[in-house]
Amino acid sequence: MRPLLELNADGEEHPVTSLRAQLAEQFELSPEERTERLASGRQTRFANRVGWASTYLVKTGLLERPRRGVTRIRPRGSEMLEREPERIDLEVLSQFPEFHAFRAGQAPADTPPAEPEKAAETPSATPEEAMETAYEQLRSALAEELLERVRDQTPTFFEQLVLDVLHSMGYGGRRRDSPERLGRTGDEGLDGVIREDKLGLDVIYVQAKRWQSSVGRPVIQAFVGALQGARASKGVLITTSTFTSDAQSYASSVSPRVILVDGRELAELMLDHDVGVSRSTQYELKTVDEDYFDEDADGSAPSTAEAPVRPPRRRPAARRA
């Protein structure tokens, strides 16, 4: 926040886009860091942080926005630059009642809330980043719980589960009977098959290992042999545990092609494709529609009721001979 405030120290108006570019140069950000996006994909992480730094400085009276997309320093901001020569963060801003009112979603008040010290405990992440962190934590915990529940089920249940996951991912098309569980004597270690077309010309064989220990190369070799015996060109081996590095190396270079899915990835796929989970709560994030507030040059907002009517064009009078 302090570097952003410093760039406004001259008292002039500064476009936010120009400030963002100057900050990127000042921090010596790489092209990858400048273009790194939030998990939502809707905004770059750097633009998000600059935007929130600007918002906090405006809400606490250190900056002002004389017009859209432009900031200018206020007297309080100039004083803060002298008082805080090293760093300005949320803990520093917590001294202002406006900061607590903004965080609480209230109008400015003369006194801060009863427990202002809690602001110092707030991590220096933007609200979007804080929500993403919380979301990832919840997702990780749910994935672990899913995996534990899967491990407690029977081998038959697990074989059907992996077929349900693959079908939910789009393999087998719309035919519900496309995934077929084998899992019987003489299946040569092949637990399921998915026919990708109506005639069964292209198939994917599946092997499911509900194991606690890591799956090694011998298991992959046996699976490859079963695929060759079935004249299959590809297969998927899914386990509730992990794969050894030797197994992964072998699977990446062998023919027919073998895809390995470990327990963690399986849980992630279940979450992504709604297998074994149901939706609990959904939050919708909204942003300001800048186009709506974009005014015409004369300062009046465009009317949505009707289009402007252009006066008829007059023909010039004929000249006399």
Protein backbone atom coordinates (compact mmCIF):
# COMPACT_ATOMS: atom_id res chain seq x y z
CA MET A 1 0.00 0.00 0.00
CA ARG A 2 2.82 2.42 0.74
CA PRO A 3 4.38 2.22 -2.74
CA LEU A 4 0.95 2.95 -4.22
CA LEU A 5 0.51 5.93 -1.88
CA GLU A 6 4.01 7.19 -2.75
CA LEU A 7 3.16 7.27 -6.45
CA ASN A 8 0.31 9.65 -5.56
CA ALA A 9 2.49 11.85 -3.33
CA ASP A 10 2.74 14.70 -5.88
CA GLY A 11 -0.93 15.59 -5.38
CA GLU A 12 -1.79 15.10 -9.04
CA GLU A 13 -4.43 12.79 -10.50
CA HIS A 14 -3.11 9.38 -11.51
CA PRO A 15 -4.91 6.75 -13.62
CA VAL A 16 -4.97 3.38 -11.89
CA THR A 17 -3.71 1.65 -15.05
CA SER A 18 -0.62 3.87 -15.02
CA LEU A 19 -0.04 3.25 -11.31
CA ARG A 20 -0.35 -0.50 -11.82
CA ALA A 21 2.27 -0.45 -14.58
CA GLN A 22 4.65 1.62 -12.44
CA LEU A 23 4.24 -0.72 -9.48
CA ALA A 24 4.94 -3.75 -11.66
CA GLU A 25 8.19 -2.13 -12.77
CA GLN A 26 9.07 -1.11 -9.23
CA PHE A 27 8.55 -4.66 -7.93
CA GLU A 28 10.44 -6.05 -10.94
CA LEU A 29 7.66 -8.51 -11.71
CA SER A 30 8.31 -11.10 -14.39
CA PRO A 31 5.86 -11.52 -17.30
CA GLU A 32 4.60 -14.69 -15.62
CA GLU A 33 3.96 -12.85 -12.35
CA ARG A 34 2.15 -10.04 -14.14
CA THR A 35 -0.19 -12.43 -15.95
CA GLU A 36 -0.77 -14.93 -13.11
CA ARG A 37 -4.51 -15.17 -12.60
CA LEU A 38 -6.71 -15.87 -9.62
CA ALA A 39 -8.28 -19.29 -9.39
CA SER A 40 -11.50 -17.85 -10.78
CA GLY A 41 -9.59 -16.85 -13.92
CA ARG A 42 -11.44 -13.55 -14.13
CA GLN A 43 -8.61 -11.25 -13.05
CA THR A 44 -4.84 -11.22 -12.68
CA ARG A 45 -3.58 -11.59 -9.13
CA PHE A 46 -1.49 -8.41 -9.35
CA ALA A 47 -4.36 -6.27 -10.65
CA ASN A 48 -6.53 -7.66 -7.87
CA ARG A 49 -4.01 -6.70 -5.19
CA VAL A 50 -3.44 -3.22 -6.60
CA GLY A 51 -7.19 -2.74 -6.81
CA TRP A 52 -7.75 -3.69 -3.21
CA ALA A 53 -4.79 -1.62 -2.00
CA SER A 54 -6.36 1.38 -3.74
CA THR A 55 -9.77 0.59 -2.25
CA TYR A 56 -8.44 0.37 1.31
CA LEU A 57 -6.52 3.65 0.94
CA VAL A 58 -9.60 5.39 -0.44
CA LYS A 59 -11.94 4.00 2.21
CA THR A 60 -9.64 5.16 5.02
CA GLY A 61 -9.27 8.65 3.57
CA LEU A 62 -5.65 8.47 2.43
CA LEU A 63 -6.60 8.64 -1.25
CA GLU A 64 -9.63 9.92 -3.10
CA ARG A 65 -11.18 9.14 -6.46
CA PRO A 66 -12.02 12.43 -8.18
CA ARG A 67 -13.35 10.43 -11.11
CA ARG A 68 -13.57 6.84 -12.29
CA GLY A 69 -10.25 5.01 -12.60
CA VAL A 70 -8.24 7.91 -11.13
CA THR A 71 -6.78 8.47 -7.64
CA ARG A 72 -5.32 11.48 -5.86
CA ILE A 73 -3.68 11.78 -2.45
CA ARG A 74 -5.46 13.47 0.46
CA PRO A 75 -3.88 15.32 3.41
CA ARG A 76 -4.22 12.25 5.61
CA GLY A 77 -2.27 10.28 3.03
CA SER A 78 0.57 12.80 3.00
CA GLU A 79 0.72 12.67 6.80
CA MET A 80 0.77 8.87 6.70
CA LEU A 81 3.78 8.84 4.35
CA GLU A 82 5.71 10.87 6.92
CA ARG A 83 4.53 8.84 9.92
CA GLU A 84 5.05 5.40 8.36
CA PRO A 85 8.32 5.46 6.39
CA GLU A 86 8.61 1.65 6.13
CA ARG A 87 5.24 0.00 5.59
CA ILE A 88 1.51 0.68 5.41
CA ASP A 89 -0.72 -2.37 5.82
CA LEU A 90 -4.05 -3.38 7.33
CA GLU A 91 -2.63 -3.16 10.84
CA VAL A 92 -1.63 0.46 10.26
CA LEU A 93 -5.00 1.29 8.72
CA SER A 94 -6.82 -0.24 11.69
CA GLN A 95 -6.23 3.01 13.63
CA PHE A 96 -8.92 4.71 11.54
CA PRO A 97 -12.62 4.29 12.36
CA GLU A 98 -13.40 4.35 8.62
CA PHE A 99 -11.39 1.16 8.18
CA HIS A 100 -13.50 -0.79 10.68
CA ALA A 101 -16.72 0.66 9.27
CA PHE A 102 -15.70 -0.45 5.80
CA ARG A 103 -14.75 -3.94 6.96
CA ALA A 104 -18.03 -4.25 8.81
CA GLY A 105 -20.02 -2.98 5.83
CA GLN A 106 -21.31 -0.01 7.82
CA ALA A 107 -21.33 3.74 7.40
CA PRO A 108 -18.34 5.59 8.93
CA ALA A 109 -18.56 6.03 12.68
CA ASP A 110 -16.67 8.13 15.19
CA THR A 111 -15.39 5.17 17.18
CA PRO A 112 -13.97 1.80 16.16
CA PRO A 113 -15.66 -1.46 17.20
CA ALA A 114 -14.99 -3.01 20.59
CA GLU A 115 -12.18 -5.31 19.38
CA PRO A 116 -10.04 -3.35 16.89
CA GLU A 117 -7.00 -5.52 17.54
CA LYS A 118 -8.55 -8.24 15.40
CA ALA A 119 -7.65 -6.23 12.31
CA ALA A 120 -3.97 -6.86 13.02
CA GLU A 121 -4.63 -10.58 12.83
CA THR A 122 -6.05 -10.30 9.32
CA PRO A 123 -3.65 -11.77 6.74
CA SER A 124 -2.38 -9.42 4.04
CA ALA A 125 -4.44 -11.13 1.35
CA THR A 126 -7.22 -9.60 -0.67
CA PRO A 127 -10.78 -10.78 0.11
CA GLU A 128 -10.79 -12.85 -3.10
CA GLU A 129 -7.52 -14.50 -2.13
CA ALA A 130 -8.81 -15.15 1.40
CA MET A 131 -11.93 -16.78 -0.04
CA GLU A 132 -9.85 -18.86 -2.42
CA THR A 133 -7.64 -20.01 0.45
CA ALA A 134 -10.65 -20.96 2.54
CA TYR A 135 -12.20 -22.73 -0.46
CA GLU A 136 -9.04 -24.73 -1.11
CA GLN A 137 -8.87 -25.71 2.57
CA LEU A 138 -12.48 -26.89 2.54
CA ARG A 139 -11.95 -28.72 -0.76
CA SER A 140 -8.80 -30.42 0.54
CA ALA A 141 -10.54 -31.56 3.71
CA LEU A 142 -13.50 -32.86 1.71
CA ALA A 143 -11.18 -34.73 -0.67
CA GLU A 144 -9.50 -36.45 2.27
CA GLU A 145 -12.88 -37.40 3.73
CA LEU A 146 -14.04 -38.74 0.38
CA LEU A 147 -10.93 -40.87 0.03
CA GLU A 148 -11.37 -42.33 3.49
CA ARG A 149 -14.99 -43.21 2.73
CA VAL A 150 -13.97 -44.85 -0.55
CA ARG A 151 -11.32 -46.94 1.19
CA ASP A 152 -13.96 -48.23 3.61
CA GLN A 153 -16.12 -49.59 0.79
CA THR A 154 -16.00 -53.04 -0.79
CA PRO A 155 -13.89 -53.81 -3.87
CA THR A 156 -17.11 -54.22 -5.87
CA PHE A 157 -18.30 -50.77 -4.84
CA PHE A 158 -14.93 -49.27 -5.77
CA GLU A 159 -14.96 -50.87 -9.21
CA GLN A 160 -18.35 -49.35 -9.93
CA LEU A 161 -17.25 -46.02 -8.49
CA VAL A 162 -14.35 -45.60 -10.91
CA LEU A 163 -16.67 -46.39 -13.82
CA ASP A 164 -19.14 -43.78 -12.56
CA VAL A 165 -16.36 -41.19 -12.36
CA LEU A 166 -15.15 -41.91 -15.90
CA HIS A 167 -18.68 -41.79 -17.26
CA SER A 168 -19.33 -38.48 -15.48
CA MET A 169 -16.19 -37.14 -17.17
CA GLY A 170 -17.78 -37.87 -20.54
CA TYR A 171 -16.21 -41.20 -21.44
CA GLY A 172 -18.75 -43.49 -23.03
CA GLY A 173 -20.93 -40.67 -24.30
CA ARG A 174 -24.54 -40.43 -23.18
CA ARG A 175 -25.16 -44.16 -23.02
CA ARG A 176 -25.70 -45.11 -19.41
CA ASP A 177 -24.93 -48.76 -20.17
CA SER A 178 -21.58 -47.91 -21.78
CA PRO A 179 -19.52 -48.46 -18.60
CA GLU A 180 -19.55 -52.20 -17.89
CA ARG A 181 -18.11 -53.70 -14.74
CA LEU A 182 -16.26 -56.95 -15.37
CA GLY A 183 -14.69 -57.98 -12.08
CA ARG A 184 -15.24 -61.70 -12.46
CA THR A 185 -13.23 -64.88 -12.93
CA GLY A 186 -11.32 -64.87 -16.19
CA ASP A 187 -11.32 -61.09 -16.57
CA GLU A 188 -7.49 -61.15 -16.68
CA GLY A 189 -7.30 -58.34 -14.11
CA LEU A 190 -9.58 -56.03 -16.09
CA ASP A 191 -12.28 -54.67 -13.78
CA GLY A 192 -14.29 -52.63 -16.25
CA VAL A 193 -14.64 -51.47 -19.82
CA ILE A 194 -16.05 -48.33 -21.40
CA ARG A 195 -17.15 -48.38 -25.02
CA GLU A 196 -16.58 -44.95 -26.50
CA ASP A 197 -18.76 -45.48 -29.56
CA LYS A 198 -22.02 -47.29 -30.27
CA LEU A 199 -20.37 -50.16 -32.15
CA GLY A 200 -17.71 -50.73 -29.51
CA LEU A 201 -14.86 -50.08 -31.96
CA ASP A 202 -12.93 -48.00 -29.41
CA VAL A 203 -12.80 -49.18 -25.81
CA ILE A 204 -11.05 -48.22 -22.59
CA TYR A 205 -10.26 -50.94 -20.07
CA VAL A 206 -10.15 -50.08 -16.40
CA GLN A 207 -8.42 -51.63 -13.41
CA ALA A 208 -9.30 -50.54 -9.87
CA LYS A 209 -6.92 -51.09 -6.93
CA ARG A 210 -8.39 -50.33 -3.52
CA TRP A 211 -5.01 -50.45 -1.79
CA GLN A 212 -3.31 -48.84 1.17
CA SER A 213 0.26 -49.43 -0.03
CA SER A 214 1.80 -47.87 -3.16
CA VAL A 215 1.22 -49.56 -6.49
CA GLY A 216 4.51 -50.68 -8.05
CA ARG A 217 5.76 -51.45 -11.55
CA PRO A 218 4.84 -55.19 -11.52
CA VAL A 219 1.16 -54.27 -11.22
CA ILE A 220 1.43 -51.93 -14.21
CA GLN A 221 3.24 -54.61 -16.22
CA ALA A 222 0.47 -57.12 -15.48
CA PHE A 223 -2.15 -54.57 -16.51
CA VAL A 224 -0.31 -53.89 -19.77
CA GLY A 225 -0.23 -57.64 -20.45
CA ALA A 226 -4.00 -57.85 -19.88
CA LEU A 227 -4.55 -54.94 -22.27
CA GLN A 228 -2.43 -56.60 -24.93
CA GLY A 229 -4.38 -59.82 -24.47
CA ALA A 230 -7.63 -57.90 -25.01
CA ARG A 231 -6.10 -56.12 -28.02
CA ALA A 232 -6.81 -52.81 -26.33
CA SER A 233 -4.96 -49.60 -27.19
CA LYS A 234 -5.49 -47.81 -23.88
CA GLY A 235 -6.33 -48.37 -20.27
CA VAL A 236 -6.80 -46.54 -16.97
CA LEU A 237 -5.51 -47.83 -13.65
CA ILE A 238 -7.05 -46.14 -10.62
CA THR A 239 -6.01 -46.69 -7.02
CA THR A 240 -6.93 -45.32 -3.62
CA SER A 241 -3.23 -45.13 -2.71
CA THR A 242 -0.24 -43.86 -4.72
CA PHE A 243 2.14 -45.07 -7.44
CA THR A 244 5.86 -45.60 -7.07
CA SER A 245 8.15 -43.48 -9.24
CA ASP A 246 9.22 -46.65 -11.07
CA ALA A 247 5.58 -47.44 -11.89
CA GLN A 248 4.98 -43.92 -13.17
CA SER A 249 8.09 -43.99 -15.33
CA TYR A 250 7.13 -47.33 -16.84
CA ALA A 251 3.52 -46.27 -17.54
CA SER A 252 4.64 -43.10 -19.32
CA SER A 253 6.68 -45.00 -21.90
CA VAL A 254 4.76 -48.23 -22.51
CA SER A 255 2.36 -49.23 -25.26
CA PRO A 256 -0.61 -49.70 -25.08
CA ARG A 257 -1.11 -46.35 -23.38
CA VAL A 258 -1.80 -46.46 -19.65
CA ILE A 259 -3.11 -43.56 -17.56
CA LEU A 260 -2.51 -43.69 -13.80
CA VAL A 261 -4.90 -42.04 -11.33
CA ASP A 262 -3.93 -42.04 -7.65
CA GLY A 263 -6.22 -41.62 -4.67
CA ARG A 264 -5.85 -37.87 -4.38
CA GLU A 265 -6.59 -37.29 -8.05
CA LEU A 266 -9.55 -39.65 -7.85
CA ALA A 267 -11.02 -37.60 -4.99
CA GLU A 268 -10.47 -34.40 -6.98
CA LEU A 269 -12.25 -35.91 -9.99
CA MET A 270 -15.16 -36.93 -7.78
CA LEU A 271 -15.45 -33.34 -6.57
CA ASP A 272 -15.14 -31.85 -10.06
CA HIS A 273 -17.76 -34.16 -11.58
CA ASP A 274 -20.19 -34.47 -8.64
CA VAL A 275 -19.73 -38.16 -7.88
CA GLY A 276 -20.45 -39.03 -4.27
CA VAL A 277 -20.97 -35.37 -3.30
CA SER A 278 -23.85 -32.92 -3.28
CA ARG A 279 -23.91 -29.13 -3.35
CA SER A 280 -24.18 -27.55 0.09
CA THR A 281 -23.83 -23.78 -0.23
CA GLN A 282 -23.18 -21.53 -3.20
CA TYR A 283 -21.89 -17.96 -3.14
CA GLU A 284 -22.10 -15.58 -6.07
CA LEU A 285 -19.46 -12.87 -6.36
CA LYS A 286 -20.34 -9.73 -8.26
CA THR A 287 -18.31 -6.78 -9.53
CA VAL A 288 -19.23 -3.29 -10.59
CA ASP A 289 -20.40 -3.06 -14.20
CA GLU A 290 -18.15 -0.27 -15.46
CA ASP A 291 -20.08 0.00 -18.76
CA TYR A 292 -23.26 0.84 -16.86
CA PHE A 293 -21.61 3.83 -15.17
CA ASP A 294 -19.77 5.03 -18.29
CA GLU A 295 -21.30 8.37 -19.18
CA ASP A 296 -21.46 10.29 -22.46
CA ALA A 297 -19.18 13.22 -23.10
CA ASP A 298 -21.91 15.68 -21.99
CA GLY A 299 -22.10 13.97 -18.60
CA SER A 300 -25.54 12.44 -19.04
CA ALA A 301 -26.03 8.71 -18.82
CA PRO A 302 -27.27 6.99 -21.99
CA SER A 303 -30.96 6.19 -22.01
CA THR A 304 -31.96 2.55 -22.25
CA ALA A 305 -35.59 3.37 -22.99
CA GLU A 306 -35.24 4.42 -26.59
CA ALA A 307 -32.63 5.20 -29.18
CA PRO A 308 -31.99 8.87 -30.02
CA VAL A 309 -33.92 10.14 -33.03
CA ARG A 310 -31.83 11.89 -35.66
CA PRO A 311 -33.57 14.92 -37.28
CA PRO A 312 -34.39 14.51 -40.97
CA ARG A 313 -31.75 15.70 -43.38
CA ARG A 314 -32.77 18.68 -45.52
CA ARG A 315 -32.03 18.82 -49.19
CA PRO A 316 -30.23 21.95 -50.39
CA ALA A 317 -32.42 24.37 -52.40
CA ALA A 318 -32.02 24.28 -56.15
CA ARG A 319 -30.00 27.13 -57.58
CA ARG A 320 -31.64 29.53 -59.98
CA ALA A 321 -30.17 29.78 -63.44
